[in-house]
Amino acid sequence: FILGFLLVFRSQQAYSRWWEGCTLLQQMRGEWYHAFSSCMAFCDSSPENFDNVVCFQHTLVRLISMLYGAALSEISEMRSNAFEFIDLD
Protein backbone atom coordinates (compact mmCIF):
# COMPACT_ATOMS: atom_id res chain seq x y z
CA PHE A 1 0.00 0.00 0.00
CA ILE A 2 2.74 2.47 0.93
CA LEU A 3 4.76 1.70 -2.20
CA GLY A 4 1.70 2.31 -4.36
CA PHE A 5 1.00 5.57 -2.56
CA LEU A 6 4.57 6.79 -3.07
CA LEU A 7 4.50 5.84 -6.74
CA VAL A 8 1.25 7.71 -7.34
CA PHE A 9 2.47 10.71 -5.32
CA ARG A 10 5.73 10.96 -7.30
CA SER A 11 3.90 10.57 -10.60
CA GLN A 12 1.46 13.30 -9.62
CA GLN A 13 4.31 15.61 -8.62
CA ALA A 14 6.13 15.01 -11.90
CA TYR A 15 2.98 15.60 -13.93
CA SER A 16 2.24 18.77 -11.96
CA ARG A 17 5.73 20.14 -12.60
CA TRP A 18 5.54 19.26 -16.29
CA TRP A 19 2.16 20.97 -16.64
CA GLU A 20 3.43 24.07 -14.82
CA GLY A 21 6.37 24.25 -17.24
CA CYS A 22 4.00 24.07 -20.21
CA THR A 23 1.84 26.77 -18.71
CA LEU A 24 4.81 29.07 -18.13
CA LEU A 25 6.07 28.48 -21.67
CA GLN A 26 2.70 29.45 -23.12
CA GLN A 27 2.57 32.49 -20.83
CA MET A 28 6.01 33.58 -22.05
CA ARG A 29 4.90 33.18 -25.65
CA GLY A 30 1.77 35.21 -24.94
CA GLU A 31 3.73 38.01 -23.28
CA TRP A 32 6.10 38.26 -26.24
CA TYR A 33 3.15 38.24 -28.65
CA HIS A 34 1.53 41.03 -26.66
CA ALA A 35 4.74 43.09 -26.67
CA PHE A 36 5.15 42.51 -30.41
CA SER A 37 1.53 43.48 -31.09
CA SER A 38 1.92 46.65 -29.06
CA CYS A 39 5.03 47.63 -31.01
CA MET A 40 3.16 47.05 -34.27
CA ALA A 41 0.11 49.00 -33.10
CA PHE A 42 2.09 52.06 -32.08
CA CYS A 43 4.06 52.35 -35.32
CA ASP A 44 3.83 55.66 -37.15
CA SER A 45 1.25 55.55 -39.93
CA SER A 46 2.26 58.69 -41.77
CA PRO A 47 2.98 58.23 -45.49
CA GLU A 48 6.40 59.93 -45.34
CA ASN A 49 7.73 57.30 -42.89
CA PHE A 50 6.15 54.30 -44.59
CA ASP A 51 9.39 52.69 -45.81
CA ASN A 52 11.12 53.08 -42.44
CA VAL A 53 8.12 51.69 -40.58
CA VAL A 54 7.86 48.65 -42.86
CA CYS A 55 11.59 47.99 -42.45
CA PHE A 56 11.23 48.28 -38.66
CA GLN A 57 8.23 45.92 -38.63
CA HIS A 58 10.00 43.29 -40.74
CA THR A 59 13.09 43.50 -38.54
CA LEU A 60 10.96 43.21 -35.39
CA VAL A 61 9.23 40.09 -36.73
CA ARG A 62 12.61 38.47 -37.35
CA LEU A 63 14.04 39.45 -33.97
CA ILE A 64 11.03 38.10 -32.07
CA SER A 65 11.25 34.90 -34.09
CA MET A 66 14.92 34.52 -33.21
CA LEU A 67 14.20 35.31 -29.54
CA TYR A 68 11.55 32.60 -29.34
CA GLY A 69 13.81 30.10 -31.13
CA ALA A 70 16.67 30.88 -28.73
CA ALA A 71 14.38 30.43 -25.73
CA LEU A 72 13.13 27.07 -27.04
CA SER A 73 16.64 25.84 -27.75
CA GLU A 74 17.68 26.84 -24.22
CA ILE A 75 15.01 24.71 -22.54
CA SER A 76 14.97 21.88 -25.07
CA GLU A 77 16.55 18.54 -24.30
CA MET A 78 16.56 17.33 -27.91
CA ARG A 79 19.80 16.33 -29.57
CA SER A 80 19.23 18.74 -32.42
CA ASN A 81 18.20 22.22 -31.35
CA ALA A 82 17.66 23.42 -34.91
CA PHE A 83 14.41 25.34 -34.50
CA GLU A 84 13.12 27.16 -37.53
CA PHE A 85 13.04 30.94 -37.38
CA ILE A 86 12.76 33.82 -39.79
CA ASP A 87 16.24 34.91 -40.84
CA LEU A 88 17.30 38.57 -40.60
CA ASP A 89 18.06 38.82 -44.31
PDB file of N, CA and C in Angstrom:
ATOM      1  N   PHE A   1       0.817  -1.201   0.000  1.00  0.00           N
ATOM      2  CA  PHE A   1       0.000   0.000   0.000  1.00  0.00           C
ATOM      3  C   PHE A   1       0.860   1.265   0.000  1.00  0.00           C
ATOM      4  N   ILE A   2       1.888   1.288   0.835  1.00  0.00           N
ATOM      5  CA  ILE A   2       2.742   2.472   0.935  1.00  0.00           C
ATOM      6  C   ILE A   2       3.538   2.681  -0.354  1.00  0.00           C
ATOM      7  N   LEU A   3       4.014   1.583  -0.938  1.00  0.00           N
ATOM      8  CA  LEU A   3       4.758   1.696  -2.199  1.00  0.00           C
ATOM      9  C   LEU A   3       3.869   2.257  -3.301  1.00  0.00           C
ATOM     10  N   GLY A   4       2.649   1.790  -3.371  1.00  0.00           N
ATOM     11  CA  GLY A   4       1.699   2.311  -4.359  1.00  0.00           C
ATOM     12  C   GLY A   4       1.407   3.782  -4.138  1.00  0.00           C
ATOM     13  N   PHE A   5       1.249   4.164  -2.882  1.00  0.00           N
ATOM     14  CA  PHE A   5       1.000   5.568  -2.556  1.00  0.00           C
ATOM     15  C   PHE A   5       2.174   6.445  -2.983  1.00  0.00           C
ATOM     16  N   LEU A   6       3.388   6.013  -2.691  1.00  0.00           N
ATOM     17  CA  LEU A   6       4.575   6.788  -3.067  1.00  0.00           C
ATOM     18  C   LEU A   6       4.717   6.896  -4.582  1.00  0.00           C
ATOM     19  N   LEU A   7       4.422   5.829  -5.275  1.00  0.00           N
ATOM     20  CA  LEU A   7       4.502   5.843  -6.737  1.00  0.00           C
ATOM     21  C   LEU A   7       3.490   6.819  -7.327  1.00  0.00           C
ATOM     22  N   VAL A   8       2.279   6.786  -6.850  1.00  0.00           N
ATOM     23  CA  VAL A   8       1.249   7.708  -7.337  1.00  0.00           C
ATOM     24  C   VAL A   8       1.609   9.150  -6.967  1.00  0.00           C
ATOM     25  N   PHE A   9       2.102   9.362  -5.762  1.00  0.00           N
ATOM     26  CA  PHE A   9       2.471  10.705  -5.325  1.00  0.00           C
ATOM     27  C   PHE A   9       3.584  11.278  -6.194  1.00  0.00           C
ATOM     28  N   ARG A  10       4.614  10.482  -6.466  1.00  0.00           N
ATOM     29  CA  ARG A  10       5.731  10.958  -7.299  1.00  0.00           C
ATOM     30  C   ARG A  10       5.280  11.230  -8.732  1.00  0.00           C
ATOM     31  N   SER A  11       4.412  10.354  -9.240  1.00  0.00           N
ATOM     32  CA  SER A  11       3.896  10.565 -10.596  1.00  0.00           C
ATOM     33  C   SER A  11       3.066  11.843 -10.665  1.00  0.00           C
ATOM     34  N   GLN A  12       2.270  12.086  -9.659  1.00  0.00           N
ATOM     35  CA  GLN A  12       1.461  13.295  -9.616  1.00  0.00           C
ATOM     36  C   GLN A  12       2.337  14.538  -9.523  1.00  0.00           C
ATOM     37  N   GLN A  13       3.385  14.478  -8.732  1.00  0.00           N
ATOM     38  CA  GLN A  13       4.313  15.610  -8.617  1.00  0.00           C
ATOM     39  C   GLN A  13       5.006  15.880  -9.952  1.00  0.00           C
ATOM     40  N   ALA A  14       5.451  14.836 -10.615  1.00  0.00           N
ATOM     41  CA  ALA A  14       6.133  15.006 -11.904  1.00  0.00           C
ATOM     42  C   ALA A  14       5.187  15.596 -12.937  1.00  0.00           C
ATOM     43  N   TYR A  15       3.967  15.083 -12.982  1.00  0.00           N
ATOM     44  CA  TYR A  15       2.976  15.600 -13.934  1.00  0.00           C
ATOM     45  C   TYR A  15       2.647  17.050 -13.626  1.00  0.00           C
ATOM     46  N   SER A  16       2.544  17.396 -12.357  1.00  0.00           N
ATOM     47  CA  SER A  16       2.243  18.766 -11.963  1.00  0.00           C
ATOM     48  C   SER A  16       3.362  19.717 -12.381  1.00  0.00           C
ATOM     49  N   ARG A  17       4.594  19.298 -12.199  1.00  0.00           N
ATOM     50  CA  ARG A  17       5.729  20.139 -12.605  1.00  0.00           C
ATOM     51  C   ARG A  17       5.799  20.287 -14.121  1.00  0.00           C
ATOM     52  N   TRP A  18       5.530  19.204 -14.833  1.00  0.00           N
ATOM     53  CA  TRP A  18       5.536  19.260 -16.293  1.00  0.00           C
ATOM     54  C   TRP A  18       4.450  20.215 -16.783  1.00  0.00           C
ATOM     55  N   TRP A  19       3.266  20.121 -16.209  1.00  0.00           N
ATOM     56  CA  TRP A  19       2.156  20.967 -16.637  1.00  0.00           C
ATOM     57  C   TRP A  19       2.433  22.432 -16.309  1.00  0.00           C
ATOM     58  N   GLU A  20       3.077  22.706 -15.170  1.00  0.00           N
ATOM     59  CA  GLU A  20       3.435  24.069 -14.816  1.00  0.00           C
ATOM     60  C   GLU A  20       4.452  24.639 -15.812  1.00  0.00           C
ATOM     61  N   GLY A  21       5.403  23.811 -16.237  1.00  0.00           N
ATOM     62  CA  GLY A  21       6.371  24.251 -17.241  1.00  0.00           C
ATOM     63  C   GLY A  21       5.695  24.594 -18.562  1.00  0.00           C
ATOM     64  N   CYS A  22       4.748  23.775 -18.980  1.00  0.00           N
ATOM     65  CA  CYS A  22       4.000  24.066 -20.213  1.00  0.00           C
ATOM     66  C   CYS A  22       3.218  25.363 -20.086  1.00  0.00           C
ATOM     67  N   THR A  23       2.602  25.557 -18.939  1.00  0.00           N
ATOM     68  CA  THR A  23       1.835  26.774 -18.710  1.00  0.00           C
ATOM     69  C   THR A  23       2.728  28.006 -18.753  1.00  0.00           C
ATOM     70  N   LEU A  24       3.890  27.928 -18.125  1.00  0.00           N
ATOM     71  CA  LEU A  24       4.808  29.066 -18.127  1.00  0.00           C
ATOM     72  C   LEU A  24       5.360  29.341 -19.523  1.00  0.00           C
ATOM     73  N   LEU A  25       5.601  28.295 -20.298  1.00  0.00           N
ATOM     74  CA  LEU A  25       6.073  28.478 -21.669  1.00  0.00           C
ATOM     75  C   LEU A  25       5.019  29.188 -22.518  1.00  0.00           C
ATOM     76  N   GLN A  26       3.765  28.795 -22.375  1.00  0.00           N
ATOM     77  CA  GLN A  26       2.696  29.455 -23.117  1.00  0.00           C
ATOM     78  C   GLN A  26       2.502  30.896 -22.641  1.00  0.00           C
ATOM     79  N   GLN A  27       2.681  31.132 -21.359  1.00  0.00           N
ATOM     80  CA  GLN A  27       2.574  32.493 -20.829  1.00  0.00           C
ATOM     81  C   GLN A  27       3.684  33.373 -21.396  1.00  0.00           C
ATOM     82  N   MET A  28       4.894  32.836 -21.479  1.00  0.00           N
ATOM     83  CA  MET A  28       6.014  33.580 -22.051  1.00  0.00           C
ATOM     84  C   MET A  28       5.724  33.930 -23.504  1.00  0.00           C
ATOM     85  N   ARG A  29       5.235  32.953 -24.257  1.00  0.00           N
ATOM     86  CA  ARG A  29       4.896  33.184 -25.653  1.00  0.00           C
ATOM     87  C   ARG A  29       3.824  34.264 -25.784  1.00  0.00           C
ATOM     88  N   GLY A  30       2.834  34.215 -24.915  1.00  0.00           N
ATOM     89  CA  GLY A  30       1.771  35.214 -24.940  1.00  0.00           C
ATOM     90  C   GLY A  30       2.259  36.608 -24.599  1.00  0.00           C
ATOM     91  N   GLU A  31       3.172  36.698 -23.649  1.00  0.00           N
ATOM     92  CA  GLU A  31       3.730  38.011 -23.282  1.00  0.00           C
ATOM     93  C   GLU A  31       4.541  38.599 -24.435  1.00  0.00           C
ATOM     94  N   TRP A  32       5.329  37.765 -25.092  1.00  0.00           N
ATOM     95  CA  TRP A  32       6.097  38.261 -26.237  1.00  0.00           C
ATOM     96  C   TRP A  32       5.179  38.660 -27.375  1.00  0.00           C
ATOM     97  N   TYR A  33       4.115  37.894 -27.600  1.00  0.00           N
ATOM     98  CA  TYR A  33       3.151  38.239 -28.647  1.00  0.00           C
ATOM     99  C   TYR A  33       2.488  39.573 -28.324  1.00  0.00           C
ATOM    100  N   HIS A  34       2.147  39.774 -27.067  1.00  0.00           N
ATOM    101  CA  HIS A  34       1.527  41.032 -26.659  1.00  0.00           C
ATOM    102  C   HIS A  34       2.488  42.205 -26.855  1.00  0.00           C
ATOM    103  N   ALA A  35       3.739  42.032 -26.483  1.00  0.00           N
ATOM    104  CA  ALA A  35       4.736  43.094 -26.669  1.00  0.00           C
ATOM    105  C   ALA A  35       4.935  43.390 -28.158  1.00  0.00           C
ATOM    106  N   PHE A  36       4.991  42.342 -28.963  1.00  0.00           N
ATOM    107  CA  PHE A  36       5.146  42.515 -30.408  1.00  0.00           C
ATOM    108  C   PHE A  36       3.940  43.242 -30.988  1.00  0.00           C
ATOM    109  N   SER A  37       2.748  42.837 -30.583  1.00  0.00           N
ATOM    110  CA  SER A  37       1.529  43.477 -31.088  1.00  0.00           C
ATOM    111  C   SER A  37       1.472  44.944 -30.699  1.00  0.00           C
ATOM    112  N   SER A  38       1.901  45.257 -29.497  1.00  0.00           N
ATOM    113  CA  SER A  38       1.917  46.653 -29.057  1.00  0.00           C
ATOM    114  C   SER A  38       2.896  47.470 -29.890  1.00  0.00           C
ATOM    115  N   CYS A  39       4.058  46.915 -30.172  1.00  0.00           N
ATOM    116  CA  CYS A  39       5.033  47.626 -31.015  1.00  0.00           C
ATOM    117  C   CYS A  39       4.471  47.864 -32.412  1.00  0.00           C
ATOM    118  N   MET A  40       3.760  46.892 -32.942  1.00  0.00           N
ATOM    119  CA  MET A  40       3.157  47.055 -34.274  1.00  0.00           C
ATOM    120  C   MET A  40       2.034  48.091 -34.242  1.00  0.00           C
ATOM    121  N   ALA A  41       1.247  48.087 -33.184  1.00  0.00           N
ATOM    122  CA  ALA A  41       0.106  48.998 -33.103  1.00  0.00           C
ATOM    123  C   ALA A  41       0.536  50.455 -32.973  1.00  0.00           C
ATOM    124  N   PHE A  42       1.660  50.693 -32.311  1.00  0.00           N
ATOM    125  CA  PHE A  42       2.091  52.062 -32.079  1.00  0.00           C
ATOM    126  C   PHE A  42       3.068  52.570 -33.130  1.00  0.00           C
ATOM    127  N   CYS A  43       3.203  51.871 -34.237  1.00  0.00           N
ATOM    128  CA  CYS A  43       4.059  52.352 -35.320  1.00  0.00           C
ATOM    129  C   CYS A  43       3.431  53.573 -35.982  1.00  0.00           C
ATOM    130  N   ASP A  44       4.274  54.439 -36.466  1.00  0.00           N
ATOM    131  CA  ASP A  44       3.829  55.661 -37.145  1.00  0.00           C
ATOM    132  C   ASP A  44       3.140  55.294 -38.454  1.00  0.00           C
ATOM    133  N   SER A  45       1.988  55.887 -38.706  1.00  0.00           N
ATOM    134  CA  SER A  45       1.245  55.551 -39.930  1.00  0.00           C
ATOM    135  C   SER A  45       1.301  56.659 -40.978  1.00  0.00           C
ATOM    136  N   SER A  46       2.172  57.612 -40.791  1.00  0.00           N
ATOM    137  CA  SER A  46       2.257  58.694 -41.769  1.00  0.00           C
ATOM    138  C   SER A  46       2.921  58.201 -43.055  1.00  0.00           C
ATOM    139  N   PRO A  47       2.452  58.707 -44.195  1.00  0.00           N
ATOM    140  CA  PRO A  47       2.984  58.234 -45.487  1.00  0.00           C
ATOM    141  C   PRO A  47       4.469  58.525 -45.701  1.00  0.00           C
ATOM    142  N   GLU A  48       4.987  59.585 -45.110  1.00  0.00           N
ATOM    143  CA  GLU A  48       6.402  59.929 -45.341  1.00  0.00           C
ATOM    144  C   GLU A  48       7.357  58.973 -44.630  1.00  0.00           C
ATOM    145  N   ASN A  49       6.890  58.262 -43.608  1.00  0.00           N
ATOM    146  CA  ASN A  49       7.734  57.297 -42.893  1.00  0.00           C
ATOM    147  C   ASN A  49       7.396  55.852 -43.235  1.00  0.00           C
ATOM    148  N   PHE A  50       6.634  55.628 -44.271  1.00  0.00           N
ATOM    149  CA  PHE A  50       6.146  54.295 -44.588  1.00  0.00           C
ATOM    150  C   PHE A  50       7.276  53.287 -44.780  1.00  0.00           C
ATOM    151  N   ASP A  51       8.294  53.638 -45.544  1.00  0.00           N
ATOM    152  CA  ASP A  51       9.394  52.694 -45.809  1.00  0.00           C
ATOM    153  C   ASP A  51      10.162  52.340 -44.535  1.00  0.00           C
ATOM    154  N   ASN A  52      10.421  53.338 -43.698  1.00  0.00           N
ATOM    155  CA  ASN A  52      11.119  53.078 -42.436  1.00  0.00           C
ATOM    156  C   ASN A  52      10.293  52.212 -41.498  1.00  0.00           C
ATOM    157  N   VAL A  53       8.995  52.456 -41.464  1.00  0.00           N
ATOM    158  CA  VAL A  53       8.116  51.685 -40.584  1.00  0.00           C
ATOM    159  C   VAL A  53       8.037  50.241 -41.046  1.00  0.00           C
ATOM    160  N   VAL A  54       7.911  50.013 -42.328  1.00  0.00           N
ATOM    161  CA  VAL A  54       7.856  48.648 -42.864  1.00  0.00           C
ATOM    162  C   VAL A  54       9.171  47.921 -42.587  1.00  0.00           C
ATOM    163  N   CYS A  55      10.293  48.602 -42.755  1.00  0.00           N
ATOM    164  CA  CYS A  55      11.594  47.992 -42.453  1.00  0.00           C
ATOM    165  C   CYS A  55      11.688  47.634 -40.966  1.00  0.00           C
ATOM    166  N   PHE A  56      11.226  48.540 -40.105  1.00  0.00           N
ATOM    167  CA  PHE A  56      11.225  48.278 -38.660  1.00  0.00           C
ATOM    168  C   PHE A  56      10.341  47.075 -38.329  1.00  0.00           C
ATOM    169  N   GLN A  57       9.154  47.018 -38.913  1.00  0.00           N
ATOM    170  CA  GLN A  57       8.230  45.921 -38.631  1.00  0.00           C
ATOM    171  C   GLN A  57       8.804  44.578 -39.080  1.00  0.00           C
ATOM    172  N   HIS A  58       9.399  44.543 -40.252  1.00  0.00           N
ATOM    173  CA  HIS A  58       9.996  43.294 -40.745  1.00  0.00           C
ATOM    174  C   HIS A  58      11.170  42.860 -39.861  1.00  0.00           C
ATOM    175  N   THR A  59      11.972  43.824 -39.427  1.00  0.00           N
ATOM    176  CA  THR A  59      13.091  43.498 -38.536  1.00  0.00           C
ATOM    177  C   THR A  59      12.585  43.000 -37.188  1.00  0.00           C
ATOM    178  N   LEU A  60      11.532  43.617 -36.670  1.00  0.00           N
ATOM    179  CA  LEU A  60      10.964  43.208 -35.393  1.00  0.00           C
ATOM    180  C   LEU A  60      10.410  41.791 -35.457  1.00  0.00           C
ATOM    181  N   VAL A  61       9.747  41.456 -36.560  1.00  0.00           N
ATOM    182  CA  VAL A  61       9.234  40.086 -36.732  1.00  0.00           C
ATOM    183  C   VAL A  61      10.382  39.086 -36.654  1.00  0.00           C
ATOM    184  N   ARG A  62      11.463  39.382 -37.326  1.00  0.00           N
ATOM    185  CA  ARG A  62      12.606  38.470 -37.353  1.00  0.00           C
ATOM    186  C   ARG A  62      13.289  38.366 -35.987  1.00  0.00           C
ATOM    187  N   LEU A  63      13.402  39.482 -35.289  1.00  0.00           N
ATOM    188  CA  LEU A  63      14.042  39.455 -33.966  1.00  0.00           C
ATOM    189  C   LEU A  63      13.208  38.682 -32.943  1.00  0.00           C
ATOM    190  N   ILE A  64      11.901  38.855 -32.979  1.00  0.00           N
ATOM    191  CA  ILE A  64      11.031  38.105 -32.066  1.00  0.00           C
ATOM    192  C   ILE A  64      11.084  36.621 -32.400  1.00  0.00           C
ATOM    193  N   SER A  65      11.138  36.292 -33.679  1.00  0.00           N
ATOM    194  CA  SER A  65      11.250  34.898 -34.092  1.00  0.00           C
ATOM    195  C   SER A  65      12.548  34.275 -33.575  1.00  0.00           C
ATOM    196  N   MET A  66      13.642  35.017 -33.701  1.00  0.00           N
ATOM    197  CA  MET A  66      14.921  34.518 -33.206  1.00  0.00           C
ATOM    198  C   MET A  66      14.933  34.414 -31.679  1.00  0.00           C
ATOM    199  N   LEU A  67      14.282  35.346 -31.003  1.00  0.00           N
ATOM    200  CA  LEU A  67      14.203  35.310 -29.542  1.00  0.00           C
ATOM    201  C   LEU A  67      13.448  34.070 -29.074  1.00  0.00           C
ATOM    202  N   TYR A  68      12.330  33.773 -29.715  1.00  0.00           N
ATOM    203  CA  TYR A  68      11.548  32.601 -29.339  1.00  0.00           C
ATOM    204  C   TYR A  68      12.317  31.312 -29.643  1.00  0.00           C
ATOM    205  N   GLY A  69      12.996  31.271 -30.790  1.00  0.00           N
ATOM    206  CA  GLY A  69      13.812  30.099 -31.127  1.00  0.00           C
ATOM    207  C   GLY A  69      14.954  29.898 -30.141  1.00  0.00           C
ATOM    208  N   ALA A  70      15.579  30.983 -29.715  1.00  0.00           N
ATOM    209  CA  ALA A  70      16.669  30.882 -28.733  1.00  0.00           C
ATOM    210  C   ALA A  70      16.143  30.396 -27.386  1.00  0.00           C
ATOM    211  N   ALA A  71      14.965  30.865 -26.997  1.00  0.00           N
ATOM    212  CA  ALA A  71      14.376  30.426 -25.731  1.00  0.00           C
ATOM    213  C   ALA A  71      14.024  28.940 -25.791  1.00  0.00           C
ATOM    214  N   LEU A  72      13.465  28.490 -26.901  1.00  0.00           N
ATOM    215  CA  LEU A  72      13.129  27.074 -27.040  1.00  0.00           C
ATOM    216  C   LEU A  72      14.374  26.198 -27.051  1.00  0.00           C
ATOM    217  N   SER A  73      15.419  26.648 -27.719  1.00  0.00           N
ATOM    218  CA  SER A  73      16.639  25.842 -27.746  1.00  0.00           C
ATOM    219  C   SER A  73      17.306  25.786 -26.370  1.00  0.00           C
ATOM    220  N   GLU A  74      17.095  26.824 -25.563  1.00  0.00           N
ATOM    221  CA  GLU A  74      17.683  26.843 -24.223  1.00  0.00           C
ATOM    222  C   GLU A  74      17.016  25.820 -23.301  1.00  0.00           C
ATOM    223  N   ILE A  75      15.721  25.633 -23.434  1.00  0.00           N
ATOM    224  CA  ILE A  75      15.014  24.715 -22.536  1.00  0.00           C
ATOM    225  C   ILE A  75      14.828  23.329 -23.142  1.00  0.00           C
ATOM    226  N   SER A  76      15.175  23.161 -24.390  1.00  0.00           N
ATOM    227  CA  SER A  76      14.975  21.884 -25.071  1.00  0.00           C
ATOM    228  C   SER A  76      16.035  20.867 -24.658  1.00  0.00           C
ATOM    229  N   GLU A  77      15.613  19.625 -24.602  1.00  0.00           N
ATOM    230  CA  GLU A  77      16.547  18.543 -24.304  1.00  0.00           C
ATOM    231  C   GLU A  77      16.756  17.639 -25.519  1.00  0.00           C
ATOM    232  N   MET A  78      16.383  18.112 -26.689  1.00  0.00           N
ATOM    233  CA  MET A  78      16.555  17.327 -27.906  1.00  0.00           C
ATOM    234  C   MET A  78      18.017  17.353 -28.320  1.00  0.00           C
ATOM    235  N   ARG A  79      18.407  16.359 -29.088  1.00  0.00           N
ATOM    236  CA  ARG A  79      19.799  16.327 -29.570  1.00  0.00           C
ATOM    237  C   ARG A  79      20.059  17.440 -30.568  1.00  0.00           C
ATOM    238  N   SER A  80      19.087  17.679 -31.433  1.00  0.00           N
ATOM    239  CA  SER A  80      19.229  18.735 -32.425  1.00  0.00           C
ATOM    240  C   SER A  80      18.346  19.910 -32.027  1.00  0.00           C
ATOM    241  N   ASN A  81      18.951  21.026 -31.723  1.00  0.00           N
ATOM    242  CA  ASN A  81      18.204  22.225 -31.352  1.00  0.00           C
ATOM    243  C   ASN A  81      18.046  23.161 -32.539  1.00  0.00           C
ATOM    244  N   ALA A  82      17.784  22.612 -33.701  1.00  0.00           N
ATOM    245  CA  ALA A  82      17.660  23.416 -34.907  1.00  0.00           C
ATOM    246  C   ALA A  82      16.201  23.833 -35.097  1.00  0.00           C
ATOM    247  N   PHE A  83      15.767  24.825 -34.347  1.00  0.00           N
ATOM    248  CA  PHE A  83      14.410  25.337 -34.497  1.00  0.00           C
ATOM    249  C   PHE A  83      14.369  26.297 -35.673  1.00  0.00           C
ATOM    250  N   GLU A  84      13.266  26.269 -36.393  1.00  0.00           N
ATOM    251  CA  GLU A  84      13.117  27.163 -37.533  1.00  0.00           C
ATOM    252  C   GLU A  84      12.777  28.563 -37.049  1.00  0.00           C
ATOM    253  N   PHE A  85      13.379  29.553 -37.663  1.00  0.00           N
ATOM    254  CA  PHE A  85      13.037  30.937 -37.378  1.00  0.00           C
ATOM    255  C   PHE A  85      13.233  31.744 -38.649  1.00  0.00           C
ATOM    256  N   ILE A  86      12.670  32.949 -38.637  1.00  0.00           N
ATOM    257  CA  ILE A  86      12.759  33.815 -39.791  1.00  0.00           C
ATOM    258  C   ILE A  86      14.103  34.511 -39.754  1.00  0.00           C
ATOM    259  N   ASP A  87      14.889  34.359 -40.801  1.00  0.00           N
ATOM    260  CA  ASP A  87      16.237  34.911 -40.843  1.00  0.00           C
ATOM    261  C   ASP A  87      16.190  36.435 -40.961  1.00  0.00           C
ATOM    262  N   LEU A  88      17.245  37.112 -40.535  1.00  0.00           N
ATOM    263  CA  LEU A  88      17.300  38.567 -40.598  1.00  0.00           C
ATOM    264  C   LEU A  88      17.435  39.120 -42.018  1.00  0.00           C
ATOM    265  N   ASP A  89      17.873  38.316 -42.932  1.00  0.00           N
ATOM    266  CA  ASP A  89      18.065  38.821 -44.314  1.00  0.00           C
ATOM    267  C   ASP A  89      16.763  38.947 -45.061  1.00  0.00           C
TER     268      ASP A  89
END
